[in-house]
């Protein structure tokens, strides 16, 4: 079963600069660590609802990496399963050919080793799974860092632009195990504490692009978010 939205991956060119910029936006930013093989390193913005933003930068060119050449901005997101292998098997039984689980991890700046299992979808627009082997409390920063000067407490909605709404909705249905509900611009799936909304990409004329262009009181400066379209809501 999918427990909740886990985290959003935001690709940045310069991690130190991104940490400074997100701090300027009122977020509490915590150094994460370096991933195995030295390909990438990260910093985290964690929230009280158990989700977080992962600011991720490459340490050296790595064309073989699946995230190389993507960004800057929001490039991927993860869901938290209660049992990674079981969720993969259930999705495969519904015809969704997830790849995995495979084991990964990183070392925190304090030397603590984190281990998790991931599973990937071969088609675009779908999230990956990230289930903990070591305690999830080790992957999340100290609760003191969950408080942010801008008042952010969690992630309420993630909107995903998709090429084919019907196909994407069927894939998400197979992965999440629940049907979508229609919305004004597409469909949505409800998770514990958050909504995943799907909307047709449709280029510059689509609803996602139109929303990003619109002026919102809570929209954050995309230069400071390093390309991620983030909005604070009340």
Protein backbone atom coordinates (compact mmCIF):
# COMPACT_ATOMS: atom_id res chain seq x y z
CA UNK A 1 0.00 0.00 0.00
CA UNK A 2 1.09 3.56 -0.68
CA UNK A 3 1.30 5.36 2.66
CA UNK A 4 1.76 8.95 1.48
CA UNK A 5 3.64 11.35 -0.74
CA UNK A 6 7.29 11.02 0.27
CA UNK A 7 9.32 13.82 -1.33
CA UNK A 8 9.84 16.07 -4.35
CA UNK A 9 13.17 16.13 -6.19
CA UNK A 10 14.32 19.60 -7.26
CA UNK A 11 17.42 19.66 -9.45
CA UNK A 12 19.78 22.59 -8.88
CA UNK A 13 23.13 23.47 -10.42
CA UNK A 14 24.74 24.79 -7.22
CA UNK A 15 23.62 23.17 -3.96
CA UNK A 16 25.13 25.80 -1.67
CA UNK A 17 23.41 28.59 -3.61
CA UNK A 18 20.11 26.71 -3.58
CA UNK A 19 20.34 26.23 0.18
CA UNK A 20 20.91 29.97 0.61
CA UNK A 21 18.03 30.84 -1.72
CA UNK A 22 15.53 28.50 -0.05
CA UNK A 23 16.57 29.88 3.32
CA UNK A 24 15.88 33.37 1.94
CA UNK A 25 12.39 32.14 0.99
CA UNK A 26 11.75 31.28 4.63
CA UNK A 27 12.47 27.56 4.59
CA UNK A 28 14.69 25.74 7.08
CA UNK A 29 17.25 23.86 4.98
CA UNK A 30 19.31 20.96 6.32
CA UNK A 31 22.38 19.40 4.63
CA UNK A 32 21.57 15.89 3.44
CA UNK A 33 24.68 14.08 2.28
CA UNK A 34 26.36 12.43 -0.68
CA UNK A 35 24.86 9.51 -2.57
CA UNK A 36 26.88 6.33 -3.23
CA UNK A 37 29.38 6.66 -6.04
CA UNK A 38 29.72 10.39 -5.49
CA UNK A 39 27.35 11.28 -8.34
CA UNK A 40 25.05 13.62 -6.42
CA UNK A 41 24.59 15.35 -3.10
CA UNK A 42 21.54 16.91 -1.53
CA UNK A 43 19.93 19.11 1.08
CA UNK A 44 16.47 18.71 2.58
CA UNK A 45 13.52 20.92 3.45
CA UNK A 46 11.39 18.73 5.73
CA UNK A 47 7.82 19.34 6.82
CA UNK A 48 5.67 18.36 9.78
CA UNK A 49 3.45 16.15 7.58
CA UNK A 50 6.38 13.82 6.87
CA UNK A 51 7.09 15.04 3.34
CA UNK A 52 10.15 16.95 2.19
CA UNK A 53 11.82 18.76 -0.68
CA UNK A 54 15.10 17.28 -1.86
CA UNK A 55 17.45 19.86 -3.38
CA UNK A 56 19.79 17.76 -5.51
CA UNK A 57 22.92 18.66 -7.47
CA UNK A 58 25.44 16.64 -9.45
CA UNK A 59 29.01 16.62 -8.19
CA UNK A 60 30.38 15.74 -11.63
CA UNK A 61 28.97 15.10 -15.12
CA UNK A 62 27.13 11.79 -15.25
CA UNK A 63 25.26 11.26 -18.54
CA UNK A 64 24.30 7.72 -17.51
CA UNK A 65 22.29 8.95 -14.51
CA UNK A 66 18.55 9.08 -15.11
CA UNK A 67 18.35 12.64 -13.76
CA UNK A 68 21.32 13.98 -15.72
CA UNK A 69 20.34 16.79 -18.07
CA UNK A 70 17.01 17.43 -16.36
CA UNK A 71 16.21 20.61 -14.54
CA UNK A 72 16.69 23.03 -13.07
CA UNK A 73 13.43 22.69 -11.18
CA UNK A 74 11.10 19.93 -10.10
CA UNK A 75 12.17 16.79 -11.97
CA UNK A 76 10.70 13.85 -10.05
CA UNK A 77 8.84 12.79 -6.94
CA UNK A 78 8.56 9.76 -4.71
CA UNK A 79 5.79 7.91 -2.94
CA UNK A 80 6.27 6.10 0.36
CA UNK A 81 5.18 2.43 0.33
CA UNK A 82 4.59 0.35 3.45
CA UNK A 83 6.29 -2.58 1.69
CA UNK A 84 8.15 -1.77 -1.52
CA UNK A 85 8.20 -5.32 -2.91
CA UNK A 86 4.49 -5.80 -2.20
CA UNK A 87 3.52 -2.54 -3.92
CA UNK A 88 5.66 -3.48 -6.94
CA UNK A 89 3.98 -6.89 -7.12
CA UNK A 90 0.50 -5.37 -6.82
CA UNK A 91 1.23 -2.82 -9.56
CA UNK A 92 2.66 -5.51 -11.83
CA UNK A 93 -0.49 -7.58 -11.29
CA UNK A 94 -2.41 -4.57 -12.65
CA UNK A 95 -0.18 -4.43 -15.72
CA UNK A 96 2.12 -1.64 -14.53
CA UNK A 97 5.67 -2.89 -15.09
CA UNK A 98 7.62 -1.24 -12.27
CA UNK A 99 11.35 -1.94 -12.16
CA UNK A 100 12.70 -3.03 -8.78
CA UNK A 101 12.94 -3.02 -5.88
CA UNK A 102 16.62 -2.08 -5.80
CA UNK A 103 18.62 -1.05 -2.77
CA UNK A 104 20.20 2.39 -2.39
CA UNK A 105 21.19 4.83 0.29
CA UNK A 106 23.51 7.60 1.36
CA UNK A 107 25.66 8.63 4.31
CA UNK A 108 24.51 11.59 6.38
CA UNK A 109 27.01 14.33 7.32
CA UNK A 110 27.13 12.81 10.83
CA UNK A 111 28.23 9.46 9.39
CA UNK A 112 24.91 7.63 9.79
CA UNK A 113 24.21 5.20 6.93
CA UNK A 114 20.75 5.32 5.37
CA UNK A 115 19.40 2.42 3.34
CA UNK A 116 16.24 2.36 1.26
CA UNK A 117 14.59 0.44 -1.56
CA UNK A 118 13.35 2.11 -4.72
CA UNK A 119 11.26 1.02 -7.67
CA UNK A 120 10.99 2.90 -10.94
CA UNK A 121 8.31 3.22 -13.59
CA UNK A 122 9.53 2.83 -17.19
CA UNK A 123 7.02 5.36 -18.52
CA UNK A 124 7.26 9.15 -18.00
CA UNK A 125 5.04 11.07 -15.62
CA UNK A 126 4.93 8.45 -12.87
CA UNK A 127 6.70 8.75 -9.51
CA UNK A 128 9.21 6.33 -8.09
CA UNK A 129 8.79 4.41 -4.84
CA UNK A 130 11.13 5.04 -1.92
CA UNK A 131 10.71 2.68 1.02
CA UNK A 132 12.98 2.68 4.04
CA UNK A 133 15.12 -0.26 5.16
CA UNK A 134 16.71 1.69 7.99
CA UNK A 135 14.32 3.70 10.15
CA UNK A 136 12.58 6.50 8.27
CA UNK A 137 13.30 8.75 11.23
CA UNK A 138 16.96 8.60 10.17
CA UNK A 139 16.12 9.84 6.66
CA UNK A 140 14.12 12.82 7.91
CA UNK A 141 15.96 15.72 9.56
CA UNK A 142 15.51 16.48 13.25
CA UNK A 143 11.94 17.66 14.05
CA UNK A 144 13.34 21.04 15.08
CA UNK A 145 13.98 21.69 11.37
CA UNK A 146 10.34 21.11 10.44
CA UNK A 147 9.45 24.66 11.46
CA UNK A 148 9.76 27.29 8.73
CA UNK A 149 9.71 31.06 8.94
CA UNK A 150 7.30 31.22 5.98
CA UNK A 151 4.78 29.00 7.81
CA UNK A 152 5.03 25.98 5.49
CA UNK A 153 3.82 22.79 7.18
CA UNK A 154 3.61 20.26 4.36
CA UNK A 155 2.80 19.55 0.73
CA UNK A 156 -0.94 19.75 0.04
CA UNK A 157 -0.97 19.23 -3.73
CA UNK A 158 1.35 18.27 -6.55
CA UNK A 159 0.22 18.92 -10.12
CA UNK A 160 1.71 16.70 -12.83
CA UNK A 161 1.50 17.70 -16.50
CA UNK A 162 0.89 14.59 -18.63
CA UNK A 163 0.87 13.98 -22.37
CA UNK A 164 -2.19 11.70 -22.34
CA UNK A 165 -4.59 12.21 -19.45
CA UNK A 166 -6.51 8.94 -19.87
CA UNK A 167 -3.37 6.81 -20.08
CA UNK A 168 -1.72 8.57 -17.14
CA UNK A 169 -4.87 8.23 -15.02
CA UNK A 170 -4.95 4.49 -15.72
CA UNK A 171 -1.29 4.15 -14.72
CA UNK A 172 -1.82 6.06 -11.47
CA UNK A 173 -4.93 3.99 -10.74
CA UNK A 174 -2.86 0.81 -11.11
CA UNK A 175 -0.12 2.18 -8.88
CA UNK A 176 -2.27 3.72 -6.15
CA UNK A 177 -5.08 1.19 -6.17
CA UNK A 178 -7.79 3.84 -6.12
CA UNK A 179 -9.73 5.52 -8.94
CA UNK A 180 -9.30 9.19 -9.81
CA UNK A 181 -11.89 11.89 -9.28
CA UNK A 182 -12.54 14.44 -12.04
CA UNK A 183 -11.43 18.04 -11.62
CA UNK A 184 -11.90 21.18 -13.70
CA UNK A 185 -8.56 20.67 -15.44
CA UNK A 186 -8.07 16.89 -15.31
CA UNK A 187 -8.24 14.28 -12.56
CA UNK A 188 -6.91 13.93 -9.03
CA UNK A 189 -5.89 11.18 -6.62
CA UNK A 190 -6.09 11.65 -2.87
CA UNK A 191 -3.33 10.36 -0.62
CA UNK A 192 -2.96 10.77 3.13
CA UNK A 193 -2.50 14.51 3.54
CA UNK A 194 -1.91 15.36 -0.12
CA UNK A 195 -3.50 15.36 -3.57
CA UNK A 196 -1.80 14.38 -6.82
CA UNK A 197 -3.51 16.23 -9.68
CA UNK A 198 -3.01 15.27 -13.32
CA UNK A 199 -3.59 17.83 -16.06
CA UNK A 200 -2.94 17.76 -19.81
CA UNK A 201 0.41 19.29 -20.69
CA UNK A 202 -0.78 20.81 -24.00
CA UNK A 203 2.25 23.08 -24.21
CA UNK A 204 1.94 26.79 -23.50
CA UNK A 205 -1.84 26.63 -23.97
CA UNK A 206 -2.39 23.95 -21.35
CA UNK A 207 -3.84 24.44 -17.85
CA UNK A 208 -0.53 23.75 -16.11
CA UNK A 209 1.35 26.40 -18.07
CA UNK A 210 -1.53 28.84 -17.61
CA UNK A 211 -1.50 28.32 -13.86
CA UNK A 212 2.26 28.83 -13.67
CA UNK A 213 1.97 32.07 -15.66
CA UNK A 214 -0.85 33.37 -13.47
CA UNK A 215 0.02 35.72 -10.64
CA UNK A 216 -0.71 34.18 -7.25
CA UNK A 217 -0.09 35.83 -3.87
CA UNK A 218 1.58 32.65 -2.65
CA UNK A 219 3.74 31.94 -5.70
CA UNK A 220 7.43 31.87 -4.85
CA UNK A 221 10.11 33.55 -6.94
CA UNK A 222 11.22 30.91 -9.45
CA UNK A 223 14.73 32.30 -9.54
CA UNK A 224 15.02 31.57 -5.83
CA UNK A 225 13.31 28.16 -6.15
CA UNK A 226 15.72 27.29 -8.99
CA UNK A 227 12.94 26.74 -11.48
CA UNK A 228 10.44 24.88 -9.30
CA UNK A 229 6.88 26.23 -9.48
CA UNK A 230 6.07 26.35 -5.76
CA UNK A 231 3.15 28.13 -4.13
CA UNK A 232 2.34 28.75 -0.48
CA UNK A 233 -1.37 28.34 0.28
CA UNK A 234 -3.45 28.96 3.38
